[in-house]
PDB file of N, CA and C in Angstrom:
ATOM      1  N   MET A   1     119.790  32.476-170.802  1.00  0.00           N
ATOM      2  CA  MET A   1     120.613  33.574-171.215  1.00  0.00           C
ATOM      3  C   MET A   1     120.941  34.398-169.971  1.00  0.00           C
ATOM      4  N   HIS A   2     122.217  34.712-169.819  1.00  0.00           N
ATOM      5  CA  HIS A   2     122.705  35.482-168.680  1.00  0.00           C
ATOM      6  C   HIS A   2     123.255  36.821-169.156  1.00  0.00           C
ATOM      7  N   ALA A   3     123.462  37.730-168.240  1.00  0.00           N
ATOM      8  CA  ALA A   3     124.056  39.033-168.530  1.00  0.00           C
ATOM      9  C   ALA A   3     125.502  39.029-168.060  1.00  0.00           C
ATOM     10  N   PHE A   4     126.425  39.247-169.010  1.00  0.00           N
ATOM     11  CA  PHE A   4     127.857  39.266-168.706  1.00  0.00           C
ATOM     12  C   PHE A   4     128.392  40.680-168.858  1.00  0.00           C
ATOM     13  N   PRO A   5     129.070  41.198-167.836  1.00  0.00           N
ATOM     14  CA  PRO A   5     129.665  42.528-167.948  1.00  0.00           C
ATOM     15  C   PRO A   5     130.770  42.549-169.007  1.00  0.00           C
ATOM     16  N   ALA A   6     130.925  43.666-169.652  1.00  0.00           N
ATOM     17  CA  ALA A   6     132.024  43.836-170.606  1.00  0.00           C
ATOM     18  C   ALA A   6     133.341  43.856-169.841  1.00  0.00           C
ATOM     19  N   GLY A   7     134.431  43.602-170.536  1.00  0.00           N
ATOM     20  CA  GLY A   7     135.741  43.692-169.909  1.00  0.00           C
ATOM     21  C   GLY A   7     136.262  42.379-169.365  1.00  0.00           C
ATOM     22  N   GLN A   8     135.656  41.266-169.744  1.00  0.00           N
ATOM     23  CA  GLN A   8     136.137  39.975-169.280  1.00  0.00           C
ATOM     24  C   GLN A   8     136.941  39.249-170.354  1.00  0.00           C
ATOM     25  N   ALA A   9     137.271  39.940-171.421  1.00  0.00           N
ATOM     26  CA  ALA A   9     138.052  39.326-172.493  1.00  0.00           C
ATOM     27  C   ALA A   9     139.400  38.870-171.960  1.00  0.00           C
ATOM     28  N   GLY A  10     139.873  37.758-172.458  1.00  0.00           N
ATOM     29  CA  GLY A  10     141.160  37.234-172.037  1.00  0.00           C
ATOM     30  C   GLY A  10     141.069  36.305-170.849  1.00  0.00           C
ATOM     31  N   GLN A  11     139.927  36.252-170.210  1.00  0.00           N
ATOM     32  CA  GLN A  11     139.746  35.332-169.093  1.00  0.00           C
ATOM     33  C   GLN A  11     139.187  34.020-169.630  1.00  0.00           C
ATOM     34  N   GLU A  12     139.451  32.935-168.932  1.00  0.00           N
ATOM     35  CA  GLU A  12     138.979  31.624-169.376  1.00  0.00           C
ATOM     36  C   GLU A  12     137.471  31.482-169.203  1.00  0.00           C
ATOM     37  N   TYR A  13     136.935  32.046-168.115  1.00  0.00           N
ATOM     38  CA  TYR A  13     135.507  31.961-167.837  1.00  0.00           C
ATOM     39  C   TYR A  13     134.925  33.358-167.681  1.00  0.00           C
ATOM     40  N   GLY A  14     133.667  33.510-168.089  1.00  0.00           N
ATOM     41  CA  GLY A  14     132.947  34.746-167.867  1.00  0.00           C
ATOM     42  C   GLY A  14     132.019  34.572-166.679  1.00  0.00           C
ATOM     43  N   ALA A  15     131.940  35.570-165.824  1.00  0.00           N
ATOM     44  CA  ALA A  15     131.059  35.523-164.663  1.00  0.00           C
ATOM     45  C   ALA A  15     129.860  36.432-164.919  1.00  0.00           C
ATOM     46  N   ALA A  16     128.680  35.832-164.951  1.00  0.00           N
ATOM     47  CA  ALA A  16     127.455  36.595-165.159  1.00  0.00           C
ATOM     48  C   ALA A  16     127.133  37.400-163.902  1.00  0.00           C
ATOM     49  N   LEU A  17     126.223  38.349-164.047  1.00  0.00           N
ATOM     50  CA  LEU A  17     125.823  39.151-162.892  1.00  0.00           C
ATOM     51  C   LEU A  17     125.287  38.285-161.762  1.00  0.00           C
ATOM     52  N   CYS A  18     124.669  37.157-162.097  1.00  0.00           N
ATOM     53  CA  CYS A  18     124.091  36.259-161.082  1.00  0.00           C
ATOM     54  C   CYS A  18     125.136  35.297-160.523  1.00  0.00           C
ATOM     55  N   ASP A  19     126.402  35.472-160.872  1.00  0.00           N
ATOM     56  CA  ASP A  19     127.533  34.640-160.441  1.00  0.00           C
ATOM     57  C   ASP A  19     127.615  33.293-161.149  1.00  0.00           C
ATOM     58  N   HIS A  20     126.782  33.070-162.166  1.00  0.00           N
ATOM     59  CA  HIS A  20     126.896  31.860-162.981  1.00  0.00           C
ATOM     60  C   HIS A  20     128.138  32.003-163.844  1.00  0.00           C
ATOM     61  N   SER A  21     128.973  30.981-163.922  1.00  0.00           N
ATOM     62  CA  SER A  21     130.205  31.025-164.718  1.00  0.00           C
ATOM     63  C   SER A  21     130.053  30.172-165.973  1.00  0.00           C
ATOM     64  N   VAL A  22     130.573  30.684-167.063  1.00  0.00           N
ATOM     65  CA  VAL A  22     130.498  30.002-168.357  1.00  0.00           C
ATOM     66  C   VAL A  22     131.837  30.178-169.059  1.00  0.00           C
ATOM     67  N   PRO A  23     132.340  29.124-169.738  1.00  0.00           N
ATOM     68  CA  PRO A  23     133.555  29.299-170.526  1.00  0.00           C
ATOM     69  C   PRO A  23     133.338  30.393-171.578  1.00  0.00           C
ATOM     70  N   ASN A  24     134.314  31.268-171.753  1.00  0.00           N
ATOM     71  CA  ASN A  24     134.171  32.368-172.709  1.00  0.00           C
ATOM     72  C   ASN A  24     133.867  31.873-174.110  1.00  0.00           C
ATOM     73  N   SER A  25     134.305  30.660-174.458  1.00  0.00           N
ATOM     74  CA  SER A  25     134.029  30.123-175.783  1.00  0.00           C
ATOM     75  C   SER A  25     132.537  29.862-176.002  1.00  0.00           C
ATOM     76  N   LYS A  26     131.761  29.771-174.928  1.00  0.00           N
ATOM     77  CA  LYS A  26     130.319  29.511-175.022  1.00  0.00           C
ATOM     78  C   LYS A  26     129.480  30.785-174.971  1.00  0.00           C
ATOM     79  N   ILE A  27     130.097  31.928-174.656  1.00  0.00           N
ATOM     80  CA  ILE A  27     129.351  33.185-174.546  1.00  0.00           C
ATOM     81  C   ILE A  27     129.150  33.763-175.936  1.00  0.00           C
ATOM     82  N   THR A  28     127.893  34.045-176.264  1.00  0.00           N
ATOM     83  CA  THR A  28     127.549  34.641-177.546  1.00  0.00           C
ATOM     84  C   THR A  28     126.709  35.885-177.313  1.00  0.00           C
ATOM     85  N   CYS A  29     126.593  36.687-178.334  1.00  0.00           N
ATOM     86  CA  CYS A  29     125.769  37.889-178.271  1.00  0.00           C
ATOM     87  C   CYS A  29     124.451  37.578-178.982  1.00  0.00           C
ATOM     88  N   THR A  30     123.438  37.235-178.202  1.00  0.00           N
ATOM     89  CA  THR A  30     122.144  36.874-178.769  1.00  0.00           C
ATOM     90  C   THR A  30     121.033  37.306-177.827  1.00  0.00           C
ATOM     91  N   ASP A  31     119.842  37.415-178.357  1.00  0.00           N
ATOM     92  CA  ASP A  31     118.689  37.699-177.511  1.00  0.00           C
ATOM     93  C   ASP A  31     117.692  36.540-177.557  1.00  0.00           C
ATOM     94  N   GLU A  32     118.155  35.374-177.981  1.00  0.00           N
ATOM     95  CA  GLU A  32     117.299  34.197-178.071  1.00  0.00           C
ATOM     96  C   GLU A  32     117.535  33.278-176.884  1.00  0.00           C
ATOM     97  N   GLY A  33     116.485  32.639-176.425  1.00  0.00           N
ATOM     98  CA  GLY A  33     116.597  31.683-175.338  1.00  0.00           C
ATOM     99  C   GLY A  33     115.943  32.170-174.061  1.00  0.00           C
ATOM    100  N   ARG A  34     115.916  31.267-173.080  1.00  0.00           N
ATOM    101  CA  ARG A  34     115.347  31.607-171.775  1.00  0.00           C
ATOM    102  C   ARG A  34     116.240  32.605-171.064  1.00  0.00           C
ATOM    103  N   ARG A  35     115.639  33.561-170.406  1.00  0.00           N
ATOM    104  CA  ARG A  35     116.392  34.578-169.677  1.00  0.00           C
ATOM    105  C   ARG A  35     116.555  34.191-168.213  1.00  0.00           C
ATOM    106  N   CYS A  36     117.691  34.553-167.658  1.00  0.00           N
ATOM    107  CA  CYS A  36     117.945  34.368-166.238  1.00  0.00           C
ATOM    108  C   CYS A  36     117.269  35.525-165.496  1.00  0.00           C
ATOM    109  N   MET A  37     116.292  35.203-164.665  1.00  0.00           N
ATOM    110  CA  MET A  37     115.546  36.243-163.957  1.00  0.00           C
ATOM    111  C   MET A  37     116.456  37.070-163.046  1.00  0.00           C
ATOM    112  N   ALA A  38     117.416  36.435-162.391  1.00  0.00           N
ATOM    113  CA  ALA A  38     118.324  37.171-161.507  1.00  0.00           C
ATOM    114  C   ALA A  38     119.131  38.198-162.299  1.00  0.00           C
ATOM    115  N   CYS A  39     119.658  37.792-163.465  1.00  0.00           N
ATOM    116  CA  CYS A  39     120.421  38.727-164.304  1.00  0.00           C
ATOM    117  C   CYS A  39     119.542  39.878-164.781  1.00  0.00           C
ATOM    118  N   MET A  40     118.307  39.563-165.182  1.00  0.00           N
ATOM    119  CA  MET A  40     117.400  40.609-165.662  1.00  0.00           C
ATOM    120  C   MET A  40     117.130  41.637-164.572  1.00  0.00           C
ATOM    121  N   LEU A  41     116.907  41.170-163.350  1.00  0.00           N
ATOM    122  CA  LEU A  41     116.639  42.098-162.251  1.00  0.00           C
ATOM    123  C   LEU A  41     117.859  42.962-161.950  1.00  0.00           C
ATOM    124  N   MET A  42     119.047  42.374-161.978  1.00  0.00           N
ATOM    125  CA  MET A  42     120.271  43.135-161.696  1.00  0.00           C
ATOM    126  C   MET A  42     120.554  44.152-162.794  1.00  0.00           C
ATOM    127  N   VAL A  43     120.330  43.793-164.045  1.00  0.00           N
ATOM    128  CA  VAL A  43     120.513  44.748-165.148  1.00  0.00           C
ATOM    129  C   VAL A  43     119.513  45.887-164.997  1.00  0.00           C
ATOM    130  N   GLY A  44     118.273  45.571-164.644  1.00  0.00           N
ATOM    131  CA  GLY A  44     117.271  46.610-164.413  1.00  0.00           C
ATOM    132  C   GLY A  44     117.687  47.569-163.315  1.00  0.00           C
ATOM    133  N   ASP A  45     118.225  47.049-162.229  1.00  0.00           N
ATOM    134  CA  ASP A  45     118.707  47.907-161.144  1.00  0.00           C
ATOM    135  C   ASP A  45     119.846  48.809-161.612  1.00  0.00           C
ATOM    136  N   LEU A  46     120.784  48.245-162.383  1.00  0.00           N
ATOM    137  CA  LEU A  46     121.906  49.040-162.884  1.00  0.00           C
ATOM    138  C   LEU A  46     121.427  50.149-163.812  1.00  0.00           C
ATOM    139  N   LEU A  47     120.488  49.836-164.688  1.00  0.00           N
ATOM    140  CA  LEU A  47     119.948  50.851-165.600  1.00  0.00           C
ATOM    141  C   LEU A  47     119.216  51.943-164.832  1.00  0.00           C
ATOM    142  N   ALA A  48     118.420  51.552-163.857  1.00  0.00           N
ATOM    143  CA  ALA A  48     117.688  52.541-163.066  1.00  0.00           C
ATOM    144  C   ALA A  48     118.640  53.478-162.330  1.00  0.00           C
ATOM    145  N   GLU A  49     119.726  52.935-161.793  1.00  0.00           N
ATOM    146  CA  GLU A  49     120.699  53.774-161.085  1.00  0.00           C
ATOM    147  C   GLU A  49     121.378  54.746-162.032  1.00  0.00           C
ATOM    148  N   GLN A  50     121.663  54.318-163.256  1.00  0.00           N
ATOM    149  CA  GLN A  50     122.337  55.185-164.225  1.00  0.00           C
ATOM    150  C   GLN A  50     121.399  56.262-164.756  1.00  0.00           C
ATOM    151  N   LEU A  51     120.128  55.916-164.967  1.00  0.00           N
ATOM    152  CA  LEU A  51     119.182  56.844-165.572  1.00  0.00           C
ATOM    153  C   LEU A  51     118.536  57.765-164.548  1.00  0.00           C
ATOM    154  N   ASP A  52     118.361  57.295-163.332  1.00  0.00           N
ATOM    155  CA  ASP A  52     117.719  58.084-162.285  1.00  0.00           C
ATOM    156  C   ASP A  52     118.359  57.745-160.938  1.00  0.00           C
ATOM    157  N   PRO A  53     119.382  58.496-160.545  1.00  0.00           N
ATOM    158  CA  PRO A  53     120.101  58.166-159.314  1.00  0.00           C
ATOM    159  C   PRO A  53     119.240  58.260-158.053  1.00  0.00           C
ATOM    160  N   THR A  54     118.058  58.858-158.143  1.00  0.00           N
ATOM    161  CA  THR A  54     117.189  58.943-156.960  1.00  0.00           C
ATOM    162  C   THR A  54     116.370  57.670-156.778  1.00  0.00           C
ATOM    163  N   TRP A  55     116.371  56.778-157.790  1.00  0.00           N
ATOM    164  CA  TRP A  55     115.607  55.529-157.713  1.00  0.00           C
ATOM    165  C   TRP A  55     116.298  54.583-156.752  1.00  0.00           C
ATOM    166  N   ARG A  56     115.500  53.861-155.995  1.00  0.00           N
ATOM    167  CA  ARG A  56     116.054  52.813-155.139  1.00  0.00           C
ATOM    168  C   ARG A  56     114.972  51.766-154.881  1.00  0.00           C
ATOM    169  N   ALA A  57     115.426  50.558-154.697  1.00  0.00           N
ATOM    170  CA  ALA A  57     114.496  49.463-154.437  1.00  0.00           C
ATOM    171  C   ALA A  57     114.051  49.497-152.986  1.00  0.00           C
ATOM    172  N   SER A  58     112.892  48.919-152.727  1.00  0.00           N
ATOM    173  CA  SER A  58     112.428  48.840-151.349  1.00  0.00           C
ATOM    174  C   SER A  58     112.090  47.415-150.996  1.00  0.00           C
TER     175      SER A  58
END
């Protein structure tokens, strides 16, 4: 399972945060399956930046 940013409607392929590409017809909204560790880390970074702008990775 990958994390896909919103706003890719109308495109033939969706690009996940980890740069993995998938045909839009295969993208579903589910929380089942193996997670992509790279996508999870990037989503965590994005959430941390939005919730606490003083947070930064080291």
